[in-house]
């Protein structure tokens, strides 16, 4: 099993969610987060005053999936979240040791 974490631009969430649903991803966790990478923040105007922020709003998507589905999930996220501009985000893939469905006690891939 794999645990996939993707950090993307907020306005791409619906597109990514729909694309993942189309390939059979049954569920995901989404969090609003802030962070920075190579962009180092941005300049914005608020009530006529210009200010710089070094933490940009992003969305973190977490997906647990089978080993067989993981490459397709990563590719789908990459394609659907891309704007071909700096700050599109990152995708991380981690090994998932175990998963248990609380309601039924199912474990492993069946819990996903």
N, C-alpha and C. Protein backbone atom coordinates (compact mmCIF):
# COMPACT_ATOMS: atom_id res chain seq x y z
N UNK A 1 0.83 -1.18 0.00
CA UNK A 1 0.00 0.00 0.00
C UNK A 1 0.88 1.24 0.00
N UNK A 2 0.34 2.31 -0.56
CA UNK A 2 1.05 3.59 -0.64
C UNK A 2 0.19 4.69 -0.03
N UNK A 3 0.88 5.68 0.52
CA UNK A 3 0.23 6.87 1.07
C UNK A 3 0.75 8.03 0.25
N UNK A 4 -0.13 8.69 -0.47
CA UNK A 4 0.27 9.75 -1.39
C UNK A 4 -0.20 11.09 -0.83
N UNK A 5 0.73 12.02 -0.74
CA UNK A 5 0.44 13.36 -0.26
C UNK A 5 0.75 14.32 -1.40
N UNK A 6 -0.22 15.15 -1.75
CA UNK A 6 -0.03 16.13 -2.81
C UNK A 6 -0.36 17.52 -2.28
N UNK A 7 0.51 18.47 -2.58
CA UNK A 7 0.29 19.87 -2.24
C UNK A 7 0.02 20.58 -3.56
N UNK A 8 -1.17 21.18 -3.69
CA UNK A 8 -1.56 21.79 -4.97
C UNK A 8 -2.15 23.18 -4.75
N UNK A 9 -2.37 23.88 -5.85
CA UNK A 9 -3.03 25.18 -5.80
C UNK A 9 -4.51 24.96 -5.49
N UNK A 10 -5.10 25.80 -4.64
CA UNK A 10 -6.49 25.59 -4.20
C UNK A 10 -7.52 25.51 -5.33
N UNK A 11 -7.38 26.31 -6.36
CA UNK A 11 -8.39 26.32 -7.42
C UNK A 11 -8.36 25.07 -8.29
N UNK A 12 -7.36 24.22 -8.13
CA UNK A 12 -7.27 22.97 -8.89
C UNK A 12 -7.90 21.78 -8.17
N UNK A 13 -8.40 21.99 -6.95
CA UNK A 13 -8.91 20.88 -6.14
C UNK A 13 -10.04 20.13 -6.83
N UNK A 14 -11.05 20.83 -7.33
CA UNK A 14 -12.19 20.14 -7.95
C UNK A 14 -11.77 19.30 -9.15
N UNK A 15 -10.86 19.83 -9.95
CA UNK A 15 -10.38 19.11 -11.12
C UNK A 15 -9.62 17.85 -10.71
N UNK A 16 -8.78 17.96 -9.68
CA UNK A 16 -8.02 16.80 -9.19
C UNK A 16 -8.95 15.77 -8.58
N UNK A 17 -9.91 16.22 -7.77
CA UNK A 17 -10.86 15.30 -7.14
C UNK A 17 -11.65 14.52 -8.19
N UNK A 18 -12.14 15.21 -9.21
CA UNK A 18 -12.90 14.54 -10.27
C UNK A 18 -12.04 13.54 -11.04
N UNK A 19 -10.80 13.92 -11.33
CA UNK A 19 -9.90 13.03 -12.07
C UNK A 19 -9.56 11.79 -11.25
N UNK A 20 -9.33 11.96 -9.95
CA UNK A 20 -9.04 10.79 -9.10
C UNK A 20 -10.26 9.88 -8.98
N UNK A 21 -11.43 10.46 -8.88
CA UNK A 21 -12.66 9.65 -8.83
C UNK A 21 -12.83 8.83 -10.10
N UNK A 22 -12.44 9.40 -11.24
CA UNK A 22 -12.58 8.72 -12.52
C UNK A 22 -11.67 7.50 -12.64
N UNK A 23 -10.54 7.48 -11.91
CA UNK A 23 -9.64 6.32 -12.00
C UNK A 23 -9.90 5.32 -10.87
N UNK A 24 -10.89 5.60 -10.02
CA UNK A 24 -11.27 4.62 -9.00
C UNK A 24 -10.79 4.90 -7.60
N UNK A 25 -10.29 6.10 -7.32
CA UNK A 25 -9.91 6.44 -5.94
C UNK A 25 -11.19 6.61 -5.13
N UNK A 26 -11.32 5.82 -4.06
CA UNK A 26 -12.56 5.78 -3.30
C UNK A 26 -12.68 6.90 -2.28
N UNK A 27 -11.58 7.47 -1.83
CA UNK A 27 -11.66 8.53 -0.84
C UNK A 27 -10.34 9.26 -0.70
N UNK A 28 -10.42 10.41 -0.08
CA UNK A 28 -9.22 11.22 0.15
C UNK A 28 -9.49 12.16 1.31
N UNK A 29 -8.42 12.70 1.85
CA UNK A 29 -8.52 13.71 2.89
C UNK A 29 -7.94 14.99 2.32
N UNK A 30 -8.64 16.11 2.54
CA UNK A 30 -8.21 17.40 2.01
C UNK A 30 -8.08 18.38 3.16
N UNK A 31 -6.95 19.11 3.19
CA UNK A 31 -6.72 20.13 4.22
C UNK A 31 -6.27 21.42 3.55
N UNK A 32 -6.71 22.54 4.11
CA UNK A 32 -6.19 23.83 3.66
C UNK A 32 -4.91 24.09 4.44
N UNK A 33 -3.83 24.37 3.73
CA UNK A 33 -2.53 24.58 4.36
C UNK A 33 -1.89 25.84 3.78
N UNK A 34 -0.80 26.25 4.39
CA UNK A 34 -0.01 27.37 3.87
C UNK A 34 1.44 26.94 3.84
N UNK A 35 2.18 27.46 2.88
CA UNK A 35 3.58 27.11 2.79
C UNK A 35 4.26 27.87 1.67
N UNK A 36 5.52 27.56 1.49
CA UNK A 36 6.26 28.17 0.38
C UNK A 36 7.35 27.22 -0.08
N UNK A 37 7.77 27.45 -1.29
CA UNK A 37 8.86 26.68 -1.89
C UNK A 37 9.76 27.65 -2.61
N UNK A 38 9.99 27.38 -3.86
CA UNK A 38 10.87 28.26 -4.65
C UNK A 38 10.25 29.64 -4.88
N UNK A 39 8.92 29.73 -4.77
CA UNK A 39 8.25 31.01 -4.98
C UNK A 39 8.66 32.05 -3.95
N UNK A 40 8.90 31.62 -2.74
CA UNK A 40 9.27 32.51 -1.64
C UNK A 40 8.19 33.54 -1.32
N UNK A 41 6.94 33.21 -1.59
CA UNK A 41 5.84 34.12 -1.25
C UNK A 41 5.42 34.97 -2.42
N UNK A 42 4.59 35.98 -2.12
CA UNK A 42 4.08 36.84 -3.17
C UNK A 42 3.70 38.19 -2.58
N UNK A 43 3.52 39.17 -3.45
CA UNK A 43 3.11 40.51 -3.04
C UNK A 43 1.63 40.68 -3.34
N UNK A 44 0.87 41.20 -2.39
CA UNK A 44 -0.55 41.42 -2.56
C UNK A 44 -0.91 42.82 -2.12
N UNK A 45 -2.10 43.26 -2.52
CA UNK A 45 -2.60 44.58 -2.11
C UNK A 45 -3.85 44.38 -1.27
N UNK A 46 -3.86 44.97 -0.07
CA UNK A 46 -5.00 44.88 0.83
C UNK A 46 -5.36 46.28 1.28
N UNK A 47 -6.59 46.72 0.97
CA UNK A 47 -7.07 48.05 1.31
C UNK A 47 -6.11 49.14 0.85
N UNK A 48 -5.61 48.97 -0.34
CA UNK A 48 -4.74 49.97 -0.94
C UNK A 48 -3.28 49.89 -0.54
N UNK A 49 -2.96 49.08 0.44
CA UNK A 49 -1.57 48.95 0.89
C UNK A 49 -0.98 47.66 0.35
N UNK A 50 0.23 47.75 -0.17
CA UNK A 50 0.92 46.58 -0.68
C UNK A 50 1.68 45.89 0.45
N UNK A 51 1.59 44.58 0.50
CA UNK A 51 2.32 43.82 1.52
C UNK A 51 2.80 42.51 0.93
N UNK A 52 3.81 41.95 1.54
CA UNK A 52 4.35 40.67 1.10
C UNK A 52 3.97 39.58 2.08
N UNK A 53 3.66 38.43 1.54
CA UNK A 53 3.39 37.26 2.37
C UNK A 53 4.33 36.15 1.94
N UNK A 54 4.93 35.47 2.90
CA UNK A 54 5.84 34.39 2.52
C UNK A 54 5.18 33.02 2.64
N UNK A 55 3.94 32.98 3.07
CA UNK A 55 3.20 31.72 3.15
C UNK A 55 2.01 31.79 2.21
N UNK A 56 2.02 30.95 1.20
CA UNK A 56 0.96 30.94 0.20
C UNK A 56 -0.09 29.89 0.53
N UNK A 57 -1.37 30.18 0.26
CA UNK A 57 -2.41 29.19 0.51
C UNK A 57 -2.29 28.02 -0.48
N UNK A 58 -2.37 26.82 0.04
CA UNK A 58 -2.30 25.60 -0.77
C UNK A 58 -3.35 24.62 -0.22
N UNK A 59 -3.53 23.54 -0.93
CA UNK A 59 -4.41 22.45 -0.49
C UNK A 59 -3.57 21.18 -0.43
N UNK A 60 -3.71 20.44 0.68
CA UNK A 60 -3.01 19.17 0.82
C UNK A 60 -4.03 18.04 0.65
N UNK A 61 -3.73 17.15 -0.27
CA UNK A 61 -4.58 15.98 -0.54
C UNK A 61 -3.82 14.75 -0.07
N UNK A 62 -4.49 13.90 0.69
CA UNK A 62 -3.89 12.65 1.17
C UNK A 62 -4.74 11.49 0.66
N UNK A 63 -4.07 10.53 0.04
CA UNK A 63 -4.75 9.36 -0.54
C UNK A 63 -3.99 8.10 -0.15
N UNK A 64 -4.71 7.12 0.37
CA UNK A 64 -4.14 5.80 0.61
C UNK A 64 -4.65 4.89 -0.51
N UNK A 65 -3.73 4.14 -1.15
CA UNK A 65 -4.16 3.30 -2.26
C UNK A 65 -3.28 2.06 -2.34
N UNK A 66 -3.67 1.14 -3.20
CA UNK A 66 -2.89 -0.08 -3.40
C UNK A 66 -1.62 0.25 -4.18
N UNK A 67 -0.64 -0.62 -4.08
CA UNK A 67 0.61 -0.43 -4.81
C UNK A 67 0.37 -0.34 -6.31
N UNK A 68 -0.58 -1.12 -6.81
CA UNK A 68 -0.84 -1.15 -8.25
C UNK A 68 -1.44 0.17 -8.75
N UNK A 69 -2.24 0.83 -7.92
CA UNK A 69 -2.92 2.06 -8.33
C UNK A 69 -2.05 3.31 -8.15
N UNK A 70 -1.03 3.23 -7.31
CA UNK A 70 -0.22 4.40 -6.94
C UNK A 70 0.37 5.17 -8.13
N UNK A 71 1.01 4.50 -9.10
CA UNK A 71 1.58 5.27 -10.22
C UNK A 71 0.52 6.04 -11.00
N UNK A 72 -0.66 5.45 -11.15
CA UNK A 72 -1.74 6.11 -11.87
C UNK A 72 -2.27 7.31 -11.08
N UNK A 73 -2.32 7.17 -9.75
CA UNK A 73 -2.76 8.28 -8.90
C UNK A 73 -1.79 9.46 -9.02
N UNK A 74 -0.51 9.18 -8.95
CA UNK A 74 0.51 10.24 -9.07
C UNK A 74 0.41 10.92 -10.43
N UNK A 75 0.30 10.15 -11.49
CA UNK A 75 0.21 10.72 -12.83
C UNK A 75 -1.05 11.57 -12.99
N UNK A 76 -2.17 11.08 -12.44
CA UNK A 76 -3.43 11.81 -12.53
C UNK A 76 -3.35 13.14 -11.79
N UNK A 77 -2.77 13.12 -10.59
CA UNK A 77 -2.62 14.37 -9.83
C UNK A 77 -1.72 15.33 -10.60
N UNK A 78 -0.61 14.83 -11.12
CA UNK A 78 0.33 15.69 -11.83
C UNK A 78 -0.34 16.34 -13.05
N UNK A 79 -1.09 15.57 -13.80
CA UNK A 79 -1.72 16.10 -15.01
C UNK A 79 -2.86 17.07 -14.69
N UNK A 80 -3.70 16.72 -13.71
CA UNK A 80 -4.87 17.55 -13.44
C UNK A 80 -4.56 18.78 -12.60
N UNK A 81 -3.45 18.78 -11.85
CA UNK A 81 -3.10 19.94 -11.01
C UNK A 81 -2.15 20.90 -11.70
N UNK A 82 -1.64 20.54 -12.85
CA UNK A 82 -0.63 21.36 -13.51
C UNK A 82 -1.23 22.59 -14.17
N UNK A 83 -0.56 23.72 -13.95
CA UNK A 83 -0.85 24.96 -14.68
C UNK A 83 0.37 25.34 -15.50
N UNK A 84 1.43 24.54 -15.40
CA UNK A 84 2.71 24.78 -16.05
C UNK A 84 3.33 26.10 -15.60
N UNK A 85 3.03 26.48 -14.34
CA UNK A 85 3.61 27.70 -13.76
C UNK A 85 4.27 27.35 -12.44
N UNK A 86 5.15 28.21 -11.99
CA UNK A 86 5.81 27.97 -10.71
C UNK A 86 4.77 27.93 -9.60
N UNK A 87 4.98 27.05 -8.64
CA UNK A 87 4.07 26.94 -7.50
C UNK A 87 2.96 25.93 -7.68
N UNK A 88 3.04 25.08 -8.70
CA UNK A 88 2.00 24.07 -8.92
C UNK A 88 1.95 23.05 -7.79
N UNK A 89 3.06 22.81 -7.10
CA UNK A 89 3.04 21.92 -5.95
C UNK A 89 3.96 20.73 -6.08
N UNK A 90 3.73 19.77 -5.20
CA UNK A 90 4.56 18.57 -5.13
C UNK A 90 3.67 17.37 -4.83
N UNK A 91 4.18 16.17 -5.16
CA UNK A 91 3.53 14.91 -4.82
C UNK A 91 4.57 14.04 -4.12
N UNK A 92 4.21 13.51 -2.96
CA UNK A 92 5.08 12.63 -2.19
C UNK A 92 4.43 11.26 -2.09
N UNK A 93 5.20 10.20 -2.23
CA UNK A 93 4.69 8.83 -2.12
C UNK A 93 5.45 8.13 -1.00
N UNK A 94 4.70 7.61 -0.03
CA UNK A 94 5.28 6.92 1.11
C UNK A 94 4.74 5.49 1.17
N UNK A 95 5.53 4.57 1.71
CA UNK A 95 5.03 3.23 1.96
C UNK A 95 4.09 3.27 3.16
N UNK A 96 2.98 2.56 3.05
CA UNK A 96 1.97 2.50 4.11
C UNK A 96 2.01 1.11 4.72
N UNK A 97 2.40 1.02 5.97
CA UNK A 97 2.58 -0.27 6.63
C UNK A 97 1.26 -1.01 6.84
N UNK A 98 0.23 -0.30 7.29
CA UNK A 98 -1.05 -0.97 7.51
C UNK A 98 -2.18 0.04 7.49
N UNK A 99 -3.38 -0.48 7.30
CA UNK A 99 -4.60 0.32 7.34
C UNK A 99 -5.70 -0.55 7.94
N UNK A 100 -6.53 0.03 8.77
CA UNK A 100 -7.64 -0.69 9.40
C UNK A 100 -8.90 0.15 9.30
N UNK A 101 -9.98 -0.45 8.80
CA UNK A 101 -11.27 0.23 8.78
C UNK A 101 -11.88 0.09 10.17
N UNK A 102 -12.14 1.19 10.82
CA UNK A 102 -12.60 1.19 12.20
C UNK A 102 -13.93 0.46 12.35
N UNK A 103 -14.87 0.72 11.46
CA UNK A 103 -16.21 0.14 11.59
C UNK A 103 -16.22 -1.38 11.52
N UNK A 104 -15.46 -1.96 10.56
CA UNK A 104 -15.53 -3.40 10.33
C UNK A 104 -14.32 -4.19 10.81
N UNK A 105 -13.22 -3.49 11.05
CA UNK A 105 -11.99 -4.16 11.44
C UNK A 105 -11.20 -4.71 10.27
N UNK A 106 -11.63 -4.46 9.03
CA UNK A 106 -10.90 -4.92 7.86
C UNK A 106 -9.51 -4.27 7.87
N UNK A 107 -8.54 -5.03 7.35
CA UNK A 107 -7.17 -4.50 7.31
C UNK A 107 -6.60 -4.63 5.91
N UNK A 108 -5.48 -3.94 5.67
CA UNK A 108 -4.81 -4.02 4.38
C UNK A 108 -5.58 -3.33 3.28
N UNK A 109 -5.42 -3.84 2.05
CA UNK A 109 -6.08 -3.24 0.88
C UNK A 109 -7.59 -3.23 1.00
N UNK A 110 -8.17 -4.20 1.67
CA UNK A 110 -9.63 -4.24 1.80
C UNK A 110 -10.16 -3.08 2.66
N UNK A 111 -9.30 -2.54 3.52
CA UNK A 111 -9.70 -1.41 4.37
C UNK A 111 -9.75 -0.11 3.58
N UNK A 112 -9.08 -0.09 2.44
CA UNK A 112 -9.04 1.12 1.62
C UNK A 112 -10.31 1.25 0.81
